[in-house]
PDB file of N, CA and C in Angstrom:
ATOM      1  N   UNK A   1      -9.177 -16.120   8.567  1.00  0.00           N
ATOM      2  CA  UNK A   1     -10.479 -16.730   8.374  1.00  0.00           C
ATOM      3  C   UNK A   1     -10.770 -16.821   6.884  1.00  0.00           C
ATOM      4  N   UNK A   2     -11.127 -17.987   6.421  1.00  0.00           N
ATOM      5  CA  UNK A   2     -11.423 -18.197   5.019  1.00  0.00           C
ATOM      6  C   UNK A   2     -12.796 -17.616   4.675  1.00  0.00           C
ATOM      7  N   UNK A   3     -12.862 -16.872   3.584  1.00  0.00           N
ATOM      8  CA  UNK A   3     -14.106 -16.222   3.167  1.00  0.00           C
ATOM      9  C   UNK A   3     -14.662 -16.972   1.963  1.00  0.00           C
ATOM     10  N   UNK A   4     -15.947 -17.158   1.913  1.00  0.00           N
ATOM     11  CA  UNK A   4     -16.579 -17.809   0.773  1.00  0.00           C
ATOM     12  C   UNK A   4     -17.595 -16.863   0.155  1.00  0.00           C
ATOM     13  N   UNK A   5     -17.854 -17.072  -1.134  1.00  0.00           N
ATOM     14  CA  UNK A   5     -18.839 -16.268  -1.830  1.00  0.00           C
ATOM     15  C   UNK A   5     -20.190 -16.424  -1.140  1.00  0.00           C
ATOM     16  N   UNK A   6     -21.042 -15.449  -1.006  1.00  0.00           N
ATOM     17  CA  UNK A   6     -20.820 -14.102  -1.522  1.00  0.00           C
ATOM     18  C   UNK A   6     -19.786 -13.342  -0.688  1.00  0.00           C
ATOM     19  N   UNK A   7     -18.967 -12.575  -1.384  1.00  0.00           N
ATOM     20  CA  UNK A   7     -17.918 -11.806  -0.735  1.00  0.00           C
ATOM     21  C   UNK A   7     -18.461 -10.467  -0.259  1.00  0.00           C
ATOM     22  N   UNK A   8     -17.899  -9.963   0.824  1.00  0.00           N
ATOM     23  CA  UNK A   8     -18.237  -8.639   1.349  1.00  0.00           C
ATOM     24  C   UNK A   8     -16.981  -7.794   1.347  1.00  0.00           C
ATOM     25  N   UNK A   9     -17.155  -6.513   1.049  1.00  0.00           N
ATOM     26  CA  UNK A   9     -16.043  -5.563   1.125  1.00  0.00           C
ATOM     27  C   UNK A   9     -15.602  -5.467   2.582  1.00  0.00           C
ATOM     28  N   UNK A  10     -14.304  -5.505   2.805  1.00  0.00           N
ATOM     29  CA  UNK A  10     -13.770  -5.420   4.165  1.00  0.00           C
ATOM     30  C   UNK A  10     -13.869  -4.014   4.748  1.00  0.00           C
ATOM     31  N   UNK A  11     -14.270  -3.030   3.942  1.00  0.00           N
ATOM     32  CA  UNK A  11     -14.322  -1.650   4.416  1.00  0.00           C
ATOM     33  C   UNK A  11     -15.734  -1.091   4.524  1.00  0.00           C
ATOM     34  N   UNK A  12     -16.642  -1.480   3.632  1.00  0.00           N
ATOM     35  CA  UNK A  12     -18.009  -0.932   3.699  1.00  0.00           C
ATOM     36  C   UNK A  12     -19.076  -2.017   3.785  1.00  0.00           C
ATOM     37  N   UNK A  13     -18.666  -3.276   3.693  1.00  0.00           N
ATOM     38  CA  UNK A  13     -19.536  -4.446   3.805  1.00  0.00           C
ATOM     39  C   UNK A  13     -20.500  -4.642   2.634  1.00  0.00           C
ATOM     40  N   UNK A  14     -20.265  -3.953   1.488  1.00  0.00           N
ATOM     41  CA  UNK A  14     -21.068  -4.206   0.292  1.00  0.00           C
ATOM     42  C   UNK A  14     -20.870  -5.645  -0.163  1.00  0.00           C
ATOM     43  N   UNK A  15     -21.927  -6.232  -0.741  1.00  0.00           N
ATOM     44  CA  UNK A  15     -21.826  -7.573  -1.315  1.00  0.00           C
ATOM     45  C   UNK A  15     -21.293  -7.498  -2.741  1.00  0.00           C
ATOM     46  N   UNK A  16     -20.450  -8.455  -3.106  1.00  0.00           N
ATOM     47  CA  UNK A  16     -19.922  -8.498  -4.475  1.00  0.00           C
ATOM     48  C   UNK A  16     -20.973  -9.086  -5.401  1.00  0.00           C
ATOM     49  N   UNK A  17     -21.197  -8.408  -6.519  1.00  0.00           N
ATOM     50  CA  UNK A  17     -22.086  -8.903  -7.562  1.00  0.00           C
ATOM     51  C   UNK A  17     -21.274  -9.555  -8.670  1.00  0.00           C
ATOM     52  N   UNK A  18     -21.958 -10.099  -9.660  1.00  0.00           N
ATOM     53  CA  UNK A  18     -21.279 -10.776 -10.771  1.00  0.00           C
ATOM     54  C   UNK A  18     -20.468  -9.822 -11.645  1.00  0.00           C
ATOM     55  N   UNK A  19     -20.953  -8.598 -11.845  1.00  0.00           N
ATOM     56  CA  UNK A  19     -20.288  -7.685 -12.774  1.00  0.00           C
ATOM     57  C   UNK A  19     -19.466  -6.607 -12.076  1.00  0.00           C
ATOM     58  N   UNK A  20     -19.425  -6.619 -10.759  1.00  0.00           N
ATOM     59  CA  UNK A  20     -18.630  -5.620 -10.048  1.00  0.00           C
ATOM     60  C   UNK A  20     -17.150  -5.814 -10.344  1.00  0.00           C
ATOM     61  N   UNK A  21     -16.415  -4.730 -10.413  1.00  0.00           N
ATOM     62  CA  UNK A  21     -14.961  -4.784 -10.602  1.00  0.00           C
ATOM     63  C   UNK A  21     -14.308  -4.540  -9.256  1.00  0.00           C
ATOM     64  N   UNK A  22     -13.945  -5.600  -8.578  1.00  0.00           N
ATOM     65  CA  UNK A  22     -13.355  -5.525  -7.246  1.00  0.00           C
ATOM     66  C   UNK A  22     -11.854  -5.761  -7.328  1.00  0.00           C
ATOM     67  N   UNK A  23     -11.186  -5.476  -6.197  1.00  0.00           N
ATOM     68  CA  UNK A  23      -9.746  -5.681  -6.083  1.00  0.00           C
ATOM     69  C   UNK A  23      -9.455  -6.470  -4.819  1.00  0.00           C
ATOM     70  N   UNK A  24      -8.257  -6.993  -4.781  1.00  0.00           N
ATOM     71  CA  UNK A  24      -7.776  -7.714  -3.605  1.00  0.00           C
ATOM     72  C   UNK A  24      -6.498  -7.061  -3.124  1.00  0.00           C
ATOM     73  N   UNK A  25      -6.312  -7.058  -1.815  1.00  0.00           N
ATOM     74  CA  UNK A  25      -5.052  -6.584  -1.242  1.00  0.00           C
ATOM     75  C   UNK A  25      -4.401  -7.752  -0.517  1.00  0.00           C
ATOM     76  N   UNK A  26      -3.198  -8.152  -0.966  1.00  0.00           N
ATOM     77  CA  UNK A  26      -2.524  -9.270  -0.314  1.00  0.00           C
ATOM     78  C   UNK A  26      -2.062  -8.912   1.094  1.00  0.00           C
ATOM     79  N   UNK A  27      -1.861  -9.926   1.928  1.00  0.00           N
ATOM     80  CA  UNK A  27      -1.422  -9.683   3.304  1.00  0.00           C
ATOM     81  C   UNK A  27       0.068  -9.342   3.356  1.00  0.00           C
ATOM     82  N   UNK A  28       0.415  -8.110   3.023  1.00  0.00           N
ATOM     83  CA  UNK A  28       1.808  -7.662   2.992  1.00  0.00           C
ATOM     84  C   UNK A  28       1.887  -6.318   3.695  1.00  0.00           C
ATOM     85  N   UNK A  29       2.594  -6.262   4.825  1.00  0.00           N
ATOM     86  CA  UNK A  29       2.667  -5.010   5.568  1.00  0.00           C
ATOM     87  C   UNK A  29       3.756  -4.080   5.055  1.00  0.00           C
ATOM     88  N   UNK A  30       4.704  -4.603   4.254  1.00  0.00           N
ATOM     89  CA  UNK A  30       5.806  -3.765   3.787  1.00  0.00           C
ATOM     90  C   UNK A  30       5.410  -2.907   2.581  1.00  0.00           C
ATOM     91  N   UNK A  31       4.608  -3.454   1.678  1.00  0.00           N
ATOM     92  CA  UNK A  31       4.200  -2.727   0.472  1.00  0.00           C
ATOM     93  C   UNK A  31       2.680  -2.687   0.384  1.00  0.00           C
ATOM     94  N   UNK A  32       2.155  -1.589  -0.122  1.00  0.00           N
ATOM     95  CA  UNK A  32       0.717  -1.502  -0.367  1.00  0.00           C
ATOM     96  C   UNK A  32       0.486  -1.899  -1.824  1.00  0.00           C
ATOM     97  N   UNK A  33      -0.239  -2.994  -2.011  1.00  0.00           N
ATOM     98  CA  UNK A  33      -0.492  -3.514  -3.343  1.00  0.00           C
ATOM     99  C   UNK A  33      -1.974  -3.825  -3.484  1.00  0.00           C
ATOM    100  N   UNK A  34      -2.536  -3.489  -4.636  1.00  0.00           N
ATOM    101  CA  UNK A  34      -3.921  -3.841  -4.944  1.00  0.00           C
ATOM    102  C   UNK A  34      -3.879  -4.660  -6.230  1.00  0.00           C
ATOM    103  N   UNK A  35      -4.530  -5.817  -6.202  1.00  0.00           N
ATOM    104  CA  UNK A  35      -4.558  -6.725  -7.347  1.00  0.00           C
ATOM    105  C   UNK A  35      -5.950  -6.790  -7.954  1.00  0.00           C
ATOM    106  N   UNK A  36      -6.008  -7.126  -9.239  1.00  0.00           N
ATOM    107  CA  UNK A  36      -7.307  -7.380  -9.856  1.00  0.00           C
ATOM    108  C   UNK A  36      -7.957  -8.584  -9.181  1.00  0.00           C
ATOM    109  N   UNK A  37      -9.277  -8.610  -9.191  1.00  0.00           N
ATOM    110  CA  UNK A  37     -10.021  -9.676  -8.544  1.00  0.00           C
ATOM    111  C   UNK A  37      -9.642 -11.030  -9.140  1.00  0.00           C
ATOM    112  N   UNK A  38      -9.425 -11.995  -8.279  1.00  0.00           N
ATOM    113  CA  UNK A  38      -9.139 -13.375  -8.663  1.00  0.00           C
ATOM    114  C   UNK A  38      -9.858 -14.259  -7.645  1.00  0.00           C
ATOM    115  N   UNK A  39     -10.829 -15.052  -8.099  1.00  0.00           N
ATOM    116  CA  UNK A  39     -11.659 -15.844  -7.185  1.00  0.00           C
ATOM    117  C   UNK A  39     -10.825 -16.819  -6.356  1.00  0.00           C
ATOM    118  N   UNK A  40      -9.747 -17.343  -6.914  1.00  0.00           N
ATOM    119  CA  UNK A  40      -8.893 -18.260  -6.160  1.00  0.00           C
ATOM    120  C   UNK A  40      -8.197 -17.525  -5.022  1.00  0.00           C
ATOM    121  N   UNK A  41      -7.636 -16.356  -5.320  1.00  0.00           N
ATOM    122  CA  UNK A  41      -6.963 -15.573  -4.282  1.00  0.00           C
ATOM    123  C   UNK A  41      -7.963 -15.025  -3.264  1.00  0.00           C
ATOM    124  N   UNK A  42      -9.162 -14.717  -3.715  1.00  0.00           N
ATOM    125  CA  UNK A  42     -10.180 -14.149  -2.815  1.00  0.00           C
ATOM    126  C   UNK A  42     -10.493 -15.084  -1.655  1.00  0.00           C
ATOM    127  N   UNK A  43     -10.349 -16.381  -1.867  1.00  0.00           N
ATOM    128  CA  UNK A  43     -10.597 -17.359  -0.802  1.00  0.00           C
ATOM    129  C   UNK A  43      -9.354 -17.619   0.043  1.00  0.00           C
ATOM    130  N   UNK A  44      -8.228 -17.007  -0.315  1.00  0.00           N
ATOM    131  CA  UNK A  44      -6.985 -17.230   0.425  1.00  0.00           C
ATOM    132  C   UNK A  44      -6.967 -16.453   1.729  1.00  0.00           C
ATOM    133  N   UNK A  45      -6.282 -17.009   2.698  1.00  0.00           N
ATOM    134  CA  UNK A  45      -6.162 -16.409   4.022  1.00  0.00           C
ATOM    135  C   UNK A  45      -5.487 -15.044   3.962  1.00  0.00           C
ATOM    136  N   UNK A  46      -6.071 -14.051   4.608  1.00  0.00           N
ATOM    137  CA  UNK A  46      -5.444 -12.744   4.774  1.00  0.00           C
ATOM    138  C   UNK A  46      -5.710 -11.717   3.692  1.00  0.00           C
ATOM    139  N   UNK A  47      -6.255 -12.106   2.555  1.00  0.00           N
ATOM    140  CA  UNK A  47      -6.527 -11.147   1.484  1.00  0.00           C
ATOM    141  C   UNK A  47      -7.715 -10.266   1.855  1.00  0.00           C
ATOM    142  N   UNK A  48      -7.564  -8.955   1.641  1.00  0.00           N
ATOM    143  CA  UNK A  48      -8.675  -8.033   1.856  1.00  0.00           C
ATOM    144  C   UNK A  48      -9.471  -7.905   0.566  1.00  0.00           C
ATOM    145  N   UNK A  49     -10.771  -7.769   0.695  1.00  0.00           N
ATOM    146  CA  UNK A  49     -11.686  -7.632  -0.435  1.00  0.00           C
ATOM    147  C   UNK A  49     -12.114  -6.177  -0.505  1.00  0.00           C
ATOM    148  N   UNK A  50     -11.872  -5.535  -1.658  1.00  0.00           N
ATOM    149  CA  UNK A  50     -12.083  -4.087  -1.806  1.00  0.00           C
ATOM    150  C   UNK A  50     -13.013  -3.840  -2.987  1.00  0.00           C
ATOM    151  N   UNK A  51     -14.102  -3.104  -2.748  1.00  0.00           N
ATOM    152  CA  UNK A  51     -15.156  -2.952  -3.757  1.00  0.00           C
ATOM    153  C   UNK A  51     -15.058  -1.696  -4.625  1.00  0.00           C
ATOM    154  N   UNK A  52     -14.285  -0.690  -4.225  1.00  0.00           N
ATOM    155  CA  UNK A  52     -14.323   0.578  -4.962  1.00  0.00           C
ATOM    156  C   UNK A  52     -13.045   1.381  -4.723  1.00  0.00           C
ATOM    157  N   UNK A  53     -12.908   2.465  -5.477  1.00  0.00           N
ATOM    158  CA  UNK A  53     -11.762   3.355  -5.276  1.00  0.00           C
ATOM    159  C   UNK A  53     -11.790   3.974  -3.888  1.00  0.00           C
ATOM    160  N   UNK A  54     -12.980   4.309  -3.403  1.00  0.00           N
ATOM    161  CA  UNK A  54     -13.051   4.924  -2.076  1.00  0.00           C
ATOM    162  C   UNK A  54     -12.653   3.931  -0.992  1.00  0.00           C
ATOM    163  N   UNK A  55     -13.014   2.671  -1.146  1.00  0.00           N
ATOM    164  CA  UNK A  55     -12.599   1.666  -0.162  1.00  0.00           C
ATOM    165  C   UNK A  55     -11.109   1.345  -0.312  1.00  0.00           C
ATOM    166  N   UNK A  56     -10.572   1.432  -1.532  1.00  0.00           N
ATOM    167  CA  UNK A  56      -9.126   1.268  -1.728  1.00  0.00           C
ATOM    168  C   UNK A  56      -8.379   2.406  -1.028  1.00  0.00           C
ATOM    169  N   UNK A  57      -8.937   3.623  -1.077  1.00  0.00           N
ATOM    170  CA  UNK A  57      -8.332   4.762  -0.369  1.00  0.00           C
ATOM    171  C   UNK A  57      -8.369   4.536   1.140  1.00  0.00           C
ATOM    172  N   UNK A  58      -9.446   3.941   1.632  1.00  0.00           N
ATOM    173  CA  UNK A  58      -9.530   3.611   3.060  1.00  0.00           C
ATOM    174  C   UNK A  58      -8.467   2.572   3.429  1.00  0.00           C
ATOM    175  N   UNK A  59      -8.258   1.590   2.552  1.00  0.00           N
ATOM    176  CA  UNK A  59      -7.236   0.562   2.791  1.00  0.00           C
ATOM    177  C   UNK A  59      -5.849   1.197   2.823  1.00  0.00           C
ATOM    178  N   UNK A  60      -5.579   2.128   1.901  1.00  0.00           N
ATOM    179  CA  UNK A  60      -4.290   2.819   1.872  1.00  0.00           C
ATOM    180  C   UNK A  60      -4.101   3.651   3.132  1.00  0.00           C
ATOM    181  N   UNK A  61      -5.135   4.355   3.547  1.00  0.00           N
ATOM    182  CA  UNK A  61      -5.062   5.163   4.757  1.00  0.00           C
ATOM    183  C   UNK A  61      -4.772   4.292   5.979  1.00  0.00           C
ATOM    184  N   UNK A  62      -5.441   3.162   6.069  1.00  0.00           N
ATOM    185  CA  UNK A  62      -5.215   2.227   7.178  1.00  0.00           C
ATOM    186  C   UNK A  62      -3.764   1.740   7.168  1.00  0.00           C
ATOM    187  N   UNK A  63      -3.254   1.382   5.985  1.00  0.00           N
ATOM    188  CA  UNK A  63      -1.876   0.898   5.850  1.00  0.00           C
ATOM    189  C   UNK A  63      -0.867   1.978   6.241  1.00  0.00           C
ATOM    190  N   UNK A  64      -1.130   3.215   5.835  1.00  0.00           N
ATOM    191  CA  UNK A  64      -0.197   4.315   6.110  1.00  0.00           C
ATOM    192  C   UNK A  64      -0.120   4.663   7.594  1.00  0.00           C
ATOM    193  N   UNK A  65      -1.173   4.411   8.351  1.00  0.00           N
ATOM    194  CA  UNK A  65      -1.186   4.782   9.764  1.00  0.00           C
ATOM    195  C   UNK A  65      -0.704   3.671  10.687  1.00  0.00           C
ATOM    196  N   UNK A  66      -0.435   2.491  10.143  1.00  0.00           N
ATOM    197  CA  UNK A  66       0.054   1.397  10.978  1.00  0.00           C
ATOM    198  C   UNK A  66       1.568   1.456  11.095  1.00  0.00           C
ATOM    199  N   UNK A  67       2.092   1.443  12.323  1.00  0.00           N
ATOM    200  CA  UNK A  67       3.543   1.410  12.474  1.00  0.00           C
ATOM    201  C   UNK A  67       4.056   0.056  12.010  1.00  0.00           C
ATOM    202  N   UNK A  68       5.032   0.089  11.091  1.00  0.00           N
ATOM    203  CA  UNK A  68       5.569  -1.177  10.593  1.00  0.00           C
ATOM    204  C   UNK A  68       6.903  -0.931   9.906  1.00  0.00           C
ATOM    205  N   UNK A  69       7.419  -1.983   9.316  1.00  0.00           N
ATOM    206  CA  UNK A  69       8.739  -1.942   8.693  1.00  0.00           C
ATOM    207  C   UNK A  69       8.778  -1.078   7.431  1.00  0.00           C
ATOM    208  N   UNK A  70       7.604  -0.709   6.853  1.00  0.00           N
ATOM    209  CA  UNK A  70       7.635   0.064   5.615  1.00  0.00           C
ATOM    210  C   UNK A  70       8.016   1.522   5.841  1.00  0.00           C
ATOM    211  N   UNK A  71       8.098   1.958   7.095  1.00  0.00           N
ATOM    212  CA  UNK A  71       8.449   3.339   7.400  1.00  0.00           C
ATOM    213  C   UNK A  71       9.950   3.422   7.633  1.00  0.00           C
ATOM    214  N   UNK A  72      10.631   4.280   6.884  1.00  0.00           N
ATOM    215  CA  UNK A  72      12.058   4.495   7.072  1.00  0.00           C
ATOM    216  C   UNK A  72      12.258   5.737   7.910  1.00  0.00           C
ATOM    217  N   UNK A  73      13.190   5.687   8.825  1.00  0.00           N
ATOM    218  CA  UNK A  73      13.485   6.824   9.681  1.00  0.00           C
ATOM    219  C   UNK A  73      14.454   7.765   8.984  1.00  0.00           C
ATOM    220  N   UNK A  74      14.349   9.052   9.279  1.00  0.00           N
ATOM    221  CA  UNK A  74      15.149  10.080   8.610  1.00  0.00           C
ATOM    222  C   UNK A  74      16.641   9.800   8.715  1.00  0.00           C
ATOM    223  N   UNK A  75      17.113   9.241   9.816  1.00  0.00           N
ATOM    224  CA  UNK A  75      18.535   8.971   9.988  1.00  0.00           C
ATOM    225  C   UNK A  75      19.070   7.918   9.046  1.00  0.00           C
ATOM    226  N   UNK A  76      18.198   7.113   8.455  1.00  0.00           N
ATOM    227  CA  UNK A  76      18.652   6.053   7.565  1.00  0.00           C
ATOM    228  C   UNK A  76      18.520   6.423   6.090  1.00  0.00           C
ATOM    229  N   UNK A  77      18.088   7.636   5.806  1.00  0.00           N
ATOM    230  CA  UNK A  77      17.864   8.041   4.422  1.00  0.00           C
ATOM    231  C   UNK A  77      18.966   8.968   3.938  1.00  0.00           C
ATOM    232  N   UNK A  78      19.360   8.838   2.663  1.00  0.00           N
ATOM    233  CA  UNK A  78      20.346   9.762   2.112  1.00  0.00           C
ATOM    234  C   UNK A  78      19.734  11.154   1.960  1.00  0.00           C
ATOM    235  N   UNK A  79      20.560  12.161   1.969  1.00  0.00           N
ATOM    236  CA  UNK A  79      20.060  13.513   1.772  1.00  0.00           C
ATOM    237  C   UNK A  79      21.075  14.305   0.961  1.00  0.00           C
ATOM    238  N   UNK A  80      20.659  15.455   0.482  1.00  0.00           N
ATOM    239  CA  UNK A  80      21.545  16.331  -0.274  1.00  0.00           C
ATOM    240  C   UNK A  80      21.986  17.465   0.638  1.00  0.00           C
ATOM    241  N   UNK A  81      23.273  17.696   0.692  1.00  0.00           N
ATOM    242  CA  UNK A  81      23.818  18.768   1.518  1.00  0.00           C
ATOM    243  C   UNK A  81      24.807  19.569   0.691  1.00  0.00           C
ATOM    244  N   UNK A  82      24.903  20.880   0.940  1.00  0.00           N
ATOM    245  CA  UNK A  82      25.863  21.675   0.192  1.00  0.00           C
ATOM    246  C   UNK A  82      27.289  21.223   0.508  1.00  0.00           C
ATOM    247  N   UNK A  83      28.062  20.995  -0.510  1.00  0.00           N
ATOM    248  CA  UNK A  83      29.460  20.576  -0.353  1.00  0.00           C
ATOM    249  C   UNK A  83      30.307  21.438  -1.267  1.00  0.00           C
ATOM    250  N   UNK A  84      31.377  21.989  -0.732  1.00  0.00           N
ATOM    251  CA  UNK A  84      32.270  22.831  -1.536  1.00  0.00           C
ATOM    252  C   UNK A  84      33.256  21.931  -2.271  1.00  0.00           C
ATOM    253  N   UNK A  85      32.879  21.525  -3.485  1.00  0.00           N
ATOM    254  CA  UNK A  85      33.765  20.692  -4.287  1.00  0.00           C
ATOM    255  C   UNK A  85      33.957  21.276  -5.684  1.00  0.00           C
ATOM    256  N   UNK A  86      33.863  22.575  -5.766  1.00  0.00           N
ATOM    257  CA  UNK A  86      34.064  23.235  -7.045  1.00  0.00           C
ATOM    258  C   UNK A  86      32.802  23.422  -7.855  1.00  0.00           C
ATOM    259  N   UNK A  87      31.658  22.979  -7.353  1.00  0.00           N
ATOM    260  CA  UNK A  87      30.390  23.172  -8.067  1.00  0.00           C
ATOM    261  C   UNK A  87      30.024  24.647  -8.050  1.00  0.00           C
ATOM    262  N   UNK A  88      29.181  25.024  -8.988  1.00  0.00           N
ATOM    263  CA  UNK A  88      28.684  26.396  -8.999  1.00  0.00           C
ATOM    264  C   UNK A  88      27.862  26.637  -7.749  1.00  0.00           C
ATOM    265  N   UNK A  89      27.808  27.869  -7.321  1.00  0.00           N
ATOM    266  CA  UNK A  89      27.060  28.243  -6.112  1.00  0.00           C
ATOM    267  C   UNK A  89      25.614  27.780  -6.204  1.00  0.00           C
ATOM    268  N   UNK A  90      25.082  27.294  -5.098  1.00  0.00           N
ATOM    269  CA  UNK A  90      23.682  26.912  -5.038  1.00  0.00           C
ATOM    270  C   UNK A  90      23.408  25.464  -5.425  1.00  0.00           C
ATOM    271  N   UNK A  91      24.417  24.743  -5.920  1.00  0.00           N
ATOM    272  CA  UNK A  91      24.222  23.334  -6.276  1.00  0.00           C
ATOM    273  C   UNK A  91      24.543  22.453  -5.093  1.00  0.00           C
ATOM    274  N   UNK A  92      23.887  21.342  -5.006  1.00  0.00           N
ATOM    275  CA  UNK A  92      24.099  20.394  -3.914  1.00  0.00           C
ATOM    276  C   UNK A  92      24.609  19.069  -4.464  1.00  0.00           C
ATOM    277  N   UNK A  93      25.401  18.407  -3.672  1.00  0.00           N
ATOM    278  CA  UNK A  93      25.901  17.086  -4.005  1.00  0.00           C
ATOM    279  C   UNK A  93      25.280  16.083  -3.031  1.00  0.00           C
ATOM    280  N   UNK A  94      24.706  14.996  -3.546  1.00  0.00           N
ATOM    281  CA  UNK A  94      24.124  14.017  -2.644  1.00  0.00           C
ATOM    282  C   UNK A  94      25.195  13.416  -1.735  1.00  0.00           C
ATOM    283  N   UNK A  95      24.851  13.251  -0.461  1.00  0.00           N
ATOM    284  CA  UNK A  95      25.768  12.720   0.531  1.00  0.00           C
ATOM    285  C   UNK A  95      25.072  11.593   1.275  1.00  0.00           C
ATOM    286  N   UNK A  96      25.722  10.440   1.376  1.00  0.00           N
ATOM    287  CA  UNK A  96      25.162   9.335   2.144  1.00  0.00           C
ATOM    288  C   UNK A  96      25.619   9.457   3.578  1.00  0.00           C
ATOM    289  N   UNK A  97      24.701   9.294   4.527  1.00  0.00           N
ATOM    290  CA  UNK A  97      25.036   9.408   5.946  1.00  0.00           C
ATOM    291  C   UNK A  97      25.285   8.050   6.535  1.00  0.00           C
TER     292      UNK A  97
END
């Protein structure tokens, strides 16, 4: 849905004023990104309008709790395991699984 001025925060519904420093969040489920306010982008489809640090934290929390492609499963991640390859005791060598 296209939004027109006056803009409202998508998290607390505050109205944007002329001197407020707002941010935009692009419609990207893989990465969490916050951009400086841009009136052209603000009217673009899917952009979230964020009025404050606390609302940006709410946006991050919402993004973190949504199941999506940005979450990697433990089986697909490299880890460090002890390997006896002549290293001093207690050192680990990274191993790709």
